[in-house]
Amino acid sequence: TLCSEFPAHPLERAAVGRRSMPLLTFVARVNDGMLLVASMEHTLMGQSDGQETLDVYKSQAKQIFKRLNPRSVAKMSIDSGSFTFHYMIQLGICYLTLCDKGYPKRLAFLYLDEIHNEFVNHLTEIEEKKARDEGRQTQDWDRQIDLVERPYAYIKFDKTIKKKGKDFANPNSRSNTGRLSEDLHDIHNIMKKNINEVLKRGEGLESMAEVSKKLQSESSNFKWGAKKVSLMAQWQQYAPLVAVGGVVFVVLLLKYFL
């Protein structure tokens, strides 16, 4: 288990002072962590110890996948050294990428969203071709994912990921500033953790979702409790007046009608 703070490896030093493109992108099945696609940016691989450093982050990514299940939070950012993992879960599939900390969080999730859309299109095309070849009706693409028995079954999708990675490489490009200006999603509520919190304690990511629900429940209970206190205070304030009014009403009733 990776527990301690990680030293500044060459890959980390190379990222200092710039906002690099997504360095790792993985696609995995949520219910068992089966890796479907793995894509790595090779521009930094030629550096000394670059491969070793990437292996560290690949190992962390796989450990994150092991802690996922259908109850896990749908989006999360996890800091690790000079980098941040961002993941998004859609329809039982997790899309995870590693960027340096200077890379815009909103753009990272837009990148993952486009990877999701492209992957669905990729699976749909595969199923349509297979159905034509076998002379049958097409099935839902997600059924293909359920039947995968070996890792990296869709490794050919790596080409699409690399192409998208180049599109998102420069956050200041015209296309990416346009993406950011058009995106209306609120990213402030996306949960953020440190890699040591996730790996050192062995905390399942589903428990984070449960904590979130518990906090919401406690917040609702607090609001109701505060409302009850307010009502009790109002009752204590106006109760004497109500009592006096009741006494006056009874006296008048006895005086004029009895």
C-alpha atoms as a PDB file:
ATOM      1  CA  THR A   1       0.000   0.000   0.000  1.00  0.00           C
ATOM      2  CA  LEU A   2       1.296   3.470  -0.871  1.00  0.00           C
ATOM      3  CA  CYS A   3       1.237   5.384   2.385  1.00  0.00           C
ATOM      4  CA  SER A   4       3.922   8.089   2.457  1.00  0.00           C
ATOM      5  CA  GLU A   5       4.355  11.342   0.585  1.00  0.00           C
ATOM      6  CA  PHE A   6       5.976  10.680  -2.773  1.00  0.00           C
ATOM      7  CA  PRO A   7       9.289  12.386  -3.701  1.00  0.00           C
ATOM      8  CA  ALA A   8       9.607  14.735  -6.613  1.00  0.00           C
ATOM      9  CA  HIS A   9      10.237  12.312  -9.467  1.00  0.00           C
ATOM     10  CA  PRO A  10      11.360  13.552 -12.891  1.00  0.00           C
ATOM     11  CA  LEU A  11       7.810  13.411 -14.166  1.00  0.00           C
ATOM     12  CA  GLU A  12       6.734  15.732 -11.363  1.00  0.00           C
ATOM     13  CA  ARG A  13       9.633  18.136 -11.914  1.00  0.00           C
ATOM     14  CA  ALA A  14       8.790  18.291 -15.607  1.00  0.00           C
ATOM     15  CA  ALA A  15       5.268  19.409 -14.795  1.00  0.00           C
ATOM     16  CA  VAL A  16       6.315  22.263 -12.533  1.00  0.00           C
ATOM     17  CA  GLY A  17       5.649  25.630 -14.111  1.00  0.00           C
ATOM     18  CA  ARG A  18       3.306  24.362 -16.797  1.00  0.00           C
ATOM     19  CA  ARG A  19      -0.162  22.874 -17.092  1.00  0.00           C
ATOM     20  CA  SER A  20       0.393  19.609 -18.922  1.00  0.00           C
ATOM     21  CA  MET A  21      -2.074  17.586 -20.908  1.00  0.00           C
ATOM     22  CA  PRO A  22      -3.644  14.482 -19.330  1.00  0.00           C
ATOM     23  CA  LEU A  23      -0.729  12.089 -18.711  1.00  0.00           C
ATOM     24  CA  LEU A  24      -2.656   8.907 -17.939  1.00  0.00           C
ATOM     25  CA  THR A  25      -6.192   7.976 -18.907  1.00  0.00           C
ATOM     26  CA  PHE A  26      -7.822   4.726 -17.809  1.00  0.00           C
ATOM     27  CA  VAL A  27     -11.277   3.313 -18.489  1.00  0.00           C
ATOM     28  CA  ALA A  28     -12.470   0.584 -16.122  1.00  0.00           C
ATOM     29  CA  ARG A  29     -15.572  -1.370 -15.147  1.00  0.00           C
ATOM     30  CA  VAL A  30     -16.818  -0.154 -11.782  1.00  0.00           C
ATOM     31  CA  ASN A  31     -18.192  -3.346 -10.238  1.00  0.00           C
ATOM     32  CA  ASP A  32     -14.849  -5.198 -10.281  1.00  0.00           C
ATOM     33  CA  GLY A  33     -12.225  -2.678 -11.409  1.00  0.00           C
ATOM     34  CA  MET A  34     -11.540  -4.513 -14.683  1.00  0.00           C
ATOM     35  CA  LEU A  35      -9.362  -2.269 -16.868  1.00  0.00           C
ATOM     36  CA  LEU A  36     -10.860  -1.833 -20.329  1.00  0.00           C
ATOM     37  CA  VAL A  37      -8.453   0.739 -21.783  1.00  0.00           C
ATOM     38  CA  ALA A  38      -5.172   2.299 -20.655  1.00  0.00           C
ATOM     39  CA  SER A  39      -3.568   5.236 -22.428  1.00  0.00           C
ATOM     40  CA  MET A  40      -0.337   7.024 -21.498  1.00  0.00           C
ATOM     41  CA  GLU A  41       1.294  10.182 -22.791  1.00  0.00           C
ATOM     42  CA  HIS A  42       4.761   9.195 -23.982  1.00  0.00           C
ATOM     43  CA  THR A  43       6.361  12.630 -24.411  1.00  0.00           C
ATOM     44  CA  LEU A  44       7.880  12.408 -20.920  1.00  0.00           C
ATOM     45  CA  MET A  45       8.749   8.735 -21.010  1.00  0.00           C
ATOM     46  CA  GLY A  46      12.230   9.294 -22.407  1.00  0.00           C
ATOM     47  CA  GLN A  47      13.342  11.146 -19.287  1.00  0.00           C
ATOM     48  CA  SER A  48      15.429   9.412 -16.640  1.00  0.00           C
ATOM     49  CA  ASP A  49      13.205   7.351 -14.340  1.00  0.00           C
ATOM     50  CA  GLY A  50      10.145   8.518 -16.278  1.00  0.00           C
ATOM     51  CA  GLN A  51       8.810   4.988 -16.727  1.00  0.00           C
ATOM     52  CA  GLU A  52       9.334   4.220 -13.039  1.00  0.00           C
ATOM     53  CA  THR A  53       7.390   7.316 -12.054  1.00  0.00           C
ATOM     54  CA  LEU A  54       4.532   6.503 -14.408  1.00  0.00           C
ATOM     55  CA  ASP A  55       4.407   3.012 -12.908  1.00  0.00           C
ATOM     56  CA  VAL A  56       3.864   4.550  -9.465  1.00  0.00           C
ATOM     57  CA  TYR A  57       0.872   6.517 -10.684  1.00  0.00           C
ATOM     58  CA  LYS A  58      -0.463   3.556 -12.670  1.00  0.00           C
ATOM     59  CA  SER A  59      -0.343   1.534  -9.454  1.00  0.00           C
ATOM     60  CA  GLN A  60      -2.221   4.256  -7.584  1.00  0.00           C
ATOM     61  CA  ALA A  61      -4.856   4.411 -10.320  1.00  0.00           C
ATOM     62  CA  LYS A  62      -5.430   0.652 -10.093  1.00  0.00           C
ATOM     63  CA  GLN A  63      -5.786   0.891  -6.311  1.00  0.00           C
ATOM     64  CA  ILE A  64      -8.376   3.624  -6.748  1.00  0.00           C
ATOM     65  CA  PHE A  65     -10.349   1.347  -9.089  1.00  0.00           C
ATOM     66  CA  LYS A  66     -10.273  -1.432  -6.485  1.00  0.00           C
ATOM     67  CA  ARG A  67     -12.038   0.875  -4.040  1.00  0.00           C
ATOM     68  CA  LEU A  68     -14.893   1.716  -6.400  1.00  0.00           C
ATOM     69  CA  ASN A  69     -18.321   0.135  -6.413  1.00  0.00           C
ATOM     70  CA  PRO A  70     -21.799   1.125  -7.689  1.00  0.00           C
ATOM     71  CA  ARG A  71     -22.340   3.289  -4.564  1.00  0.00           C
ATOM     72  CA  SER A  72     -19.194   5.373  -5.086  1.00  0.00           C
ATOM     73  CA  VAL A  73     -19.481   9.109  -5.663  1.00  0.00           C
ATOM     74  CA  ALA A  74     -19.842   9.910  -9.362  1.00  0.00           C
ATOM     75  CA  LYS A  75     -17.033  12.487  -9.541  1.00  0.00           C
ATOM     76  CA  MET A  76     -13.914  13.016  -7.468  1.00  0.00           C
ATOM     77  CA  SER A  77     -10.490  14.654  -7.550  1.00  0.00           C
ATOM     78  CA  ILE A  78      -7.600  12.997  -5.672  1.00  0.00           C
ATOM     79  CA  ASP A  79      -4.315  14.851  -5.139  1.00  0.00           C
ATOM     80  CA  SER A  80      -1.055  12.884  -5.398  1.00  0.00           C
ATOM     81  CA  GLY A  81       2.221  14.784  -5.196  1.00  0.00           C
ATOM     82  CA  SER A  82       2.375  17.360  -7.990  1.00  0.00           C
ATOM     83  CA  PHE A  83      -0.529  15.713  -9.798  1.00  0.00           C
ATOM     84  CA  THR A  84      -4.244  15.153  -9.401  1.00  0.00           C
ATOM     85  CA  PHE A  85      -6.372  12.191 -10.396  1.00  0.00           C
ATOM     86  CA  HIS A  86      -9.830  13.106 -11.673  1.00  0.00           C
ATOM     87  CA  TYR A  87     -12.420  10.421 -12.165  1.00  0.00           C
ATOM     88  CA  MET A  88     -16.000  10.285 -13.406  1.00  0.00           C
ATOM     89  CA  ILE A  89     -18.429   7.362 -13.280  1.00  0.00           C
ATOM     90  CA  GLN A  90     -21.037   6.998 -16.031  1.00  0.00           C
ATOM     91  CA  LEU A  91     -23.311   3.986 -16.567  1.00  0.00           C
ATOM     92  CA  GLY A  92     -21.140   1.579 -14.600  1.00  0.00           C
ATOM     93  CA  ILE A  93     -17.864   2.696 -16.214  1.00  0.00           C
ATOM     94  CA  CYS A  94     -15.171   4.807 -14.550  1.00  0.00           C
ATOM     95  CA  TYR A  95     -13.098   7.248 -16.601  1.00  0.00           C
ATOM     96  CA  LEU A  96      -9.940   8.376 -14.780  1.00  0.00           C
ATOM     97  CA  THR A  97      -7.173  10.746 -15.808  1.00  0.00           C
ATOM     98  CA  LEU A  98      -4.007  12.117 -14.228  1.00  0.00           C
ATOM     99  CA  CYS A  99      -3.078  15.770 -14.759  1.00  0.00           C
ATOM    100  CA  ASP A 100      -0.674  18.096 -12.990  1.00  0.00           C
ATOM    101  CA  LYS A 101      -2.280  20.312 -10.373  1.00  0.00           C
ATOM    102  CA  GLY A 102      -2.150  23.392 -12.574  1.00  0.00           C
ATOM    103  CA  TYR A 103      -4.454  21.846 -15.159  1.00  0.00           C
ATOM    104  CA  PRO A 104      -7.977  23.339 -14.882  1.00  0.00           C
ATOM    105  CA  LYS A 105     -10.282  21.015 -12.983  1.00  0.00           C
ATOM    106  CA  ARG A 106     -13.291  21.945 -15.097  1.00  0.00           C
ATOM    107  CA  LEU A 107     -11.391  21.159 -18.293  1.00  0.00           C
ATOM    108  CA  ALA A 108     -10.279  17.781 -16.907  1.00  0.00           C
ATOM    109  CA  PHE A 109     -13.903  16.749 -16.353  1.00  0.00           C
ATOM    110  CA  LEU A 110     -14.905  18.051 -19.781  1.00  0.00           C
ATOM    111  CA  TYR A 111     -12.132  15.849 -21.187  1.00  0.00           C
ATOM    112  CA  LEU A 112     -13.482  12.814 -19.300  1.00  0.00           C
ATOM    113  CA  ASP A 113     -17.001  13.569 -20.497  1.00  0.00           C
ATOM    114  CA  GLU A 114     -15.827  13.589 -24.122  1.00  0.00           C
ATOM    115  CA  ILE A 115     -13.910  10.337 -23.566  1.00  0.00           C
ATOM    116  CA  HIS A 116     -17.151   8.817 -22.265  1.00  0.00           C
ATOM    117  CA  ASN A 117     -19.115   9.951 -25.326  1.00  0.00           C
ATOM    118  CA  GLU A 118     -16.446   8.668 -27.706  1.00  0.00           C
ATOM    119  CA  PHE A 119     -16.233   5.338 -25.868  1.00  0.00           C
ATOM    120  CA  VAL A 120     -19.998   4.821 -26.097  1.00  0.00           C
ATOM    121  CA  ASN A 121     -19.823   5.563 -29.834  1.00  0.00           C
ATOM    122  CA  HIS A 122     -16.910   3.127 -30.153  1.00  0.00           C
ATOM    123  CA  LEU A 123     -18.834   0.342 -28.395  1.00  0.00           C
ATOM    124  CA  THR A 124     -21.976   1.050 -30.411  1.00  0.00           C
ATOM    125  CA  GLU A 125     -20.057   0.783 -33.699  1.00  0.00           C
ATOM    126  CA  ILE A 126     -18.479  -2.502 -32.596  1.00  0.00           C
ATOM    127  CA  GLU A 127     -21.864  -3.979 -31.677  1.00  0.00           C
ATOM    128  CA  GLU A 128     -23.524  -2.808 -34.905  1.00  0.00           C
ATOM    129  CA  LYS A 129     -20.763  -4.371 -37.029  1.00  0.00           C
ATOM    130  CA  LYS A 130     -20.888  -7.597 -35.031  1.00  0.00           C
ATOM    131  CA  ALA A 131     -24.673  -7.785 -35.353  1.00  0.00           C
ATOM    132  CA  ARG A 132     -24.464  -7.298 -39.147  1.00  0.00           C
ATOM    133  CA  ASP A 133     -21.820 -10.008 -39.459  1.00  0.00           C
ATOM    134  CA  GLU A 134     -23.876 -12.438 -37.382  1.00  0.00           C
ATOM    135  CA  GLY A 135     -27.213 -11.504 -38.974  1.00  0.00           C
ATOM    136  CA  ARG A 136     -28.935 -10.514 -35.734  1.00  0.00           C
ATOM    137  CA  GLN A 137     -30.385  -7.454 -34.042  1.00  0.00           C
ATOM    138  CA  THR A 138     -28.077  -5.134 -32.163  1.00  0.00           C
ATOM    139  CA  GLN A 139     -27.893  -5.284 -28.380  1.00  0.00           C
ATOM    140  CA  ASP A 140     -27.291  -2.487 -25.893  1.00  0.00           C
ATOM    141  CA  TRP A 141     -23.625  -1.486 -25.792  1.00  0.00           C
ATOM    142  CA  ASP A 142     -23.433  -1.830 -22.008  1.00  0.00           C
ATOM    143  CA  ARG A 143     -24.085  -5.561 -22.320  1.00  0.00           C
ATOM    144  CA  GLN A 144     -20.698  -5.836 -24.042  1.00  0.00           C
ATOM    145  CA  ILE A 145     -19.036  -4.405 -20.940  1.00  0.00           C
ATOM    146  CA  ASP A 146     -20.728  -6.936 -18.664  1.00  0.00           C
ATOM    147  CA  LEU A 147     -19.377  -9.788 -20.802  1.00  0.00           C
ATOM    148  CA  VAL A 148     -15.727  -8.644 -20.866  1.00  0.00           C
ATOM    149  CA  GLU A 149     -13.521 -11.342 -19.318  1.00  0.00           C
ATOM    150  CA  ARG A 150     -10.007 -10.052 -19.993  1.00  0.00           C
ATOM    151  CA  PRO A 151      -8.336  -6.712 -19.222  1.00  0.00           C
ATOM    152  CA  TYR A 152      -7.611  -4.137 -21.942  1.00  0.00           C
ATOM    153  CA  ALA A 153     -10.297  -5.625 -24.183  1.00  0.00           C
ATOM    154  CA  TYR A 154     -10.747  -2.248 -25.913  1.00  0.00           C
ATOM    155  CA  ILE A 155      -7.099  -1.205 -26.142  1.00  0.00           C
ATOM    156  CA  LYS A 156      -7.657   0.011 -29.727  1.00  0.00           C
ATOM    157  CA  PHE A 157      -9.645   2.877 -28.236  1.00  0.00           C
ATOM    158  CA  ASP A 158      -6.264   4.207 -27.057  1.00  0.00           C
ATOM    159  CA  LYS A 159      -5.904   5.996 -30.424  1.00  0.00           C
ATOM    160  CA  THR A 160      -9.064   8.012 -29.769  1.00  0.00           C
ATOM    161  CA  ILE A 161      -7.906   8.882 -26.256  1.00  0.00           C
ATOM    162  CA  LYS A 162      -4.550  10.141 -27.535  1.00  0.00           C
ATOM    163  CA  LYS A 163      -6.300  12.263 -30.151  1.00  0.00           C
ATOM    164  CA  LYS A 164      -8.557  13.785 -27.506  1.00  0.00           C
ATOM    165  CA  GLY A 165      -5.550  14.315 -25.253  1.00  0.00           C
ATOM    166  CA  LYS A 166      -3.936  16.486 -27.921  1.00  0.00           C
ATOM    167  CA  ASP A 167      -7.168  18.483 -28.243  1.00  0.00           C
ATOM    168  CA  PHE A 168      -7.058  19.191 -24.490  1.00  0.00           C
ATOM    169  CA  ALA A 169      -3.281  19.639 -24.205  1.00  0.00           C
ATOM    170  CA  ASN A 170      -3.268  23.435 -24.040  1.00  0.00           C
ATOM    171  CA  PRO A 171      -5.853  24.900 -21.642  1.00  0.00           C
ATOM    172  CA  ASN A 172      -5.331  28.331 -23.210  1.00  0.00           C
ATOM    173  CA  SER A 173      -6.115  27.289 -26.769  1.00  0.00           C
ATOM    174  CA  ARG A 174      -9.123  28.870 -28.440  1.00  0.00           C
ATOM    175  CA  SER A 175     -11.050  25.590 -28.522  1.00  0.00           C
ATOM    176  CA  ASN A 176     -10.481  24.905 -24.816  1.00  0.00           C
ATOM    177  CA  THR A 177     -11.299  28.424 -23.663  1.00  0.00           C
ATOM    178  CA  GLY A 178     -14.463  28.049 -25.734  1.00  0.00           C
ATOM    179  CA  ARG A 179     -15.245  24.758 -23.985  1.00  0.00           C
ATOM    180  CA  LEU A 180     -14.769  26.375 -20.586  1.00  0.00           C
ATOM    181  CA  SER A 181     -16.962  29.370 -21.404  1.00  0.00           C
ATOM    182  CA  GLU A 182     -19.769  27.120 -22.654  1.00  0.00           C
ATOM    183  CA  ASP A 183     -19.661  24.662 -19.746  1.00  0.00           C
ATOM    184  CA  LEU A 184     -22.355  25.383 -17.165  1.00  0.00           C
ATOM    185  CA  HIS A 185     -21.696  22.467 -14.798  1.00  0.00           C
ATOM    186  CA  ASP A 186     -20.955  23.305 -11.173  1.00  0.00           C
ATOM    187  CA  ILE A 187     -17.649  21.697 -10.170  1.00  0.00           C
ATOM    188  CA  HIS A 188     -17.385  23.256  -6.716  1.00  0.00           C
ATOM    189  CA  ASN A 189     -19.290  20.395  -5.115  1.00  0.00           C
ATOM    190  CA  ILE A 190     -17.001  17.697  -6.549  1.00  0.00           C
ATOM    191  CA  MET A 191     -15.402  15.882  -3.631  1.00  0.00           C
ATOM    192  CA  LYS A 192     -11.642  16.284  -3.232  1.00  0.00           C
ATOM    193  CA  LYS A 193      -9.309  13.886  -1.389  1.00  0.00           C
ATOM    194  CA  ASN A 194      -5.606  13.229  -0.965  1.00  0.00           C
ATOM    195  CA  ILE A 195      -4.168   9.955  -2.270  1.00  0.00           C
ATOM    196  CA  ASN A 196      -2.938   9.108   1.243  1.00  0.00           C
ATOM    197  CA  GLU A 197      -6.468   9.421   2.597  1.00  0.00           C
ATOM    198  CA  VAL A 198      -7.730   7.004  -0.027  1.00  0.00           C
ATOM    199  CA  LEU A 199      -4.891   4.460   0.037  1.00  0.00           C
ATOM    200  CA  LYS A 200      -3.323   4.655   3.507  1.00  0.00           C
ATOM    201  CA  ARG A 201      -6.537   4.151   5.449  1.00  0.00           C
ATOM    202  CA  GLY A 202      -7.881   1.684   2.913  1.00  0.00           C
ATOM    203  CA  GLU A 203     -11.070   3.702   2.862  1.00  0.00           C
ATOM    204  CA  GLY A 204     -13.582   2.510   0.295  1.00  0.00           C
ATOM    205  CA  LEU A 205     -14.791   5.305  -1.914  1.00  0.00           C
ATOM    206  CA  GLU A 206     -18.342   4.188  -1.297  1.00  0.00           C
ATOM    207  CA  SER A 207     -17.988   5.247   2.357  1.00  0.00           C
ATOM    208  CA  MET A 208     -17.330   8.780   1.145  1.00  0.00           C
ATOM    209  CA  ALA A 209     -20.708   8.752  -0.552  1.00  0.00           C
ATOM    210  CA  GLU A 210     -22.298   7.486   2.654  1.00  0.00           C
ATOM    211  CA  VAL A 211     -20.599  10.262   4.630  1.00  0.00           C
ATOM    212  CA  SER A 212     -21.981  12.786   2.156  1.00  0.00           C
ATOM    213  CA  LYS A 213     -25.500  11.390   2.567  1.00  0.00           C
ATOM    214  CA  LYS A 214     -25.097  11.392   6.359  1.00  0.00           C
ATOM    215  CA  LEU A 215     -24.025  15.041   6.314  1.00  0.00           C
ATOM    216  CA  GLN A 216     -27.055  15.920   4.199  1.00  0.00           C
ATOM    217  CA  SER A 217     -29.304  14.041   6.633  1.00  0.00           C
ATOM    218  CA  GLU A 218     -27.721  15.751   9.627  1.00  0.00           C
ATOM    219  CA  SER A 219     -28.124  19.091   7.884  1.00  0.00           C
ATOM    220  CA  SER A 220     -31.848  18.399   7.351  1.00  0.00           C
ATOM    221  CA  ASN A 221     -32.216  17.333  10.988  1.00  0.00           C
ATOM    222  CA  PHE A 222     -30.444  20.476  12.123  1.00  0.00           C
ATOM    223  CA  LYS A 223     -32.756  22.657  10.032  1.00  0.00           C
ATOM    224  CA  TRP A 224     -35.827  20.889  11.484  1.00  0.00           C
ATOM    225  CA  GLY A 225     -34.416  21.224  15.016  1.00  0.00           C
ATOM    226  CA  ALA A 226     -33.803  24.914  14.491  1.00  0.00           C
ATOM    227  CA  LYS A 227     -37.353  25.307  13.184  1.00  0.00           C
ATOM    228  CA  LYS A 228     -38.739  23.549  16.286  1.00  0.00           C
ATOM    229  CA  VAL A 229     -36.742  25.841  18.573  1.00  0.00           C
ATOM    230  CA  SER A 230     -38.061  28.851  16.692  1.00  0.00           C
ATOM    231  CA  LEU A 231     -41.662  27.623  17.002  1.00  0.00           C
ATOM    232  CA  MET A 232     -41.215  26.956  20.726  1.00  0.00           C
ATOM    233  CA  ALA A 233     -39.791  30.438  21.229  1.00  0.00           C
ATOM    234  CA  GLN A 234     -42.769  31.964  19.413  1.00  0.00           C
ATOM    235  CA  TRP A 235     -45.162  29.884  21.503  1.00  0.00           C
ATOM    236  CA  GLN A 236     -43.494  31.012  24.742  1.00  0.00           C
ATOM    237  CA  GLN A 237     -43.739  34.606  23.556  1.00  0.00           C
ATOM    238  CA  TYR A 238     -47.405  34.531  22.638  1.00  0.00           C
ATOM    239  CA  ALA A 239     -48.729  31.899  25.077  1.00  0.00           C
ATOM    240  CA  PRO A 240     -49.505  34.458  27.886  1.00  0.00           C
ATOM    241  CA  LEU A 241     -51.508  36.578  25.457  1.00  0.00           C
ATOM    242  CA  VAL A 242     -53.440  33.533  24.290  1.00  0.00           C
ATOM    243  CA  ALA A 243     -54.160  32.563  27.914  1.00  0.00           C
ATOM    244  CA  VAL A 244     -55.378  36.061  28.805  1.00  0.00           C
ATOM    245  CA  GLY A 245     -57.553  36.146  25.705  1.00  0.00           C
ATOM    246  CA  GLY A 246     -59.032  32.780  26.650  1.00  0.00           C
ATOM    247  CA  VAL A 247     -59.885  33.996  30.174  1.00  0.00           C
ATOM    248  CA  VAL A 248     -61.529  37.178  28.833  1.00  0.00           C
ATOM    249  CA  PHE A 249     -63.557  35.095  26.361  1.00  0.00           C
ATOM    250  CA  VAL A 250     -64.813  32.784  29.124  1.00  0.00           C
ATOM    251  CA  VAL A 251     -65.757  35.746  31.388  1.00  0.00           C
ATOM    252  CA  LEU A 252     -67.712  37.401  28.594  1.00  0.00           C
ATOM    253  CA  LEU A 253     -69.398  34.107  27.753  1.00  0.00           C
ATOM    254  CA  LEU A 254     -70.522  33.632  31.367  1.00  0.00           C
ATOM    255  CA  LYS A 255     -71.619  37.236  31.729  1.00  0.00           C
ATOM    256  CA  TYR A 256     -73.796  37.595  28.619  1.00  0.00           C
ATOM    257  CA  PHE A 257     -75.020  34.099  27.826  1.00  0.00           C
ATOM    258  CA  LEU A 258     -75.529  32.476  31.198  1.00  0.00           C
END
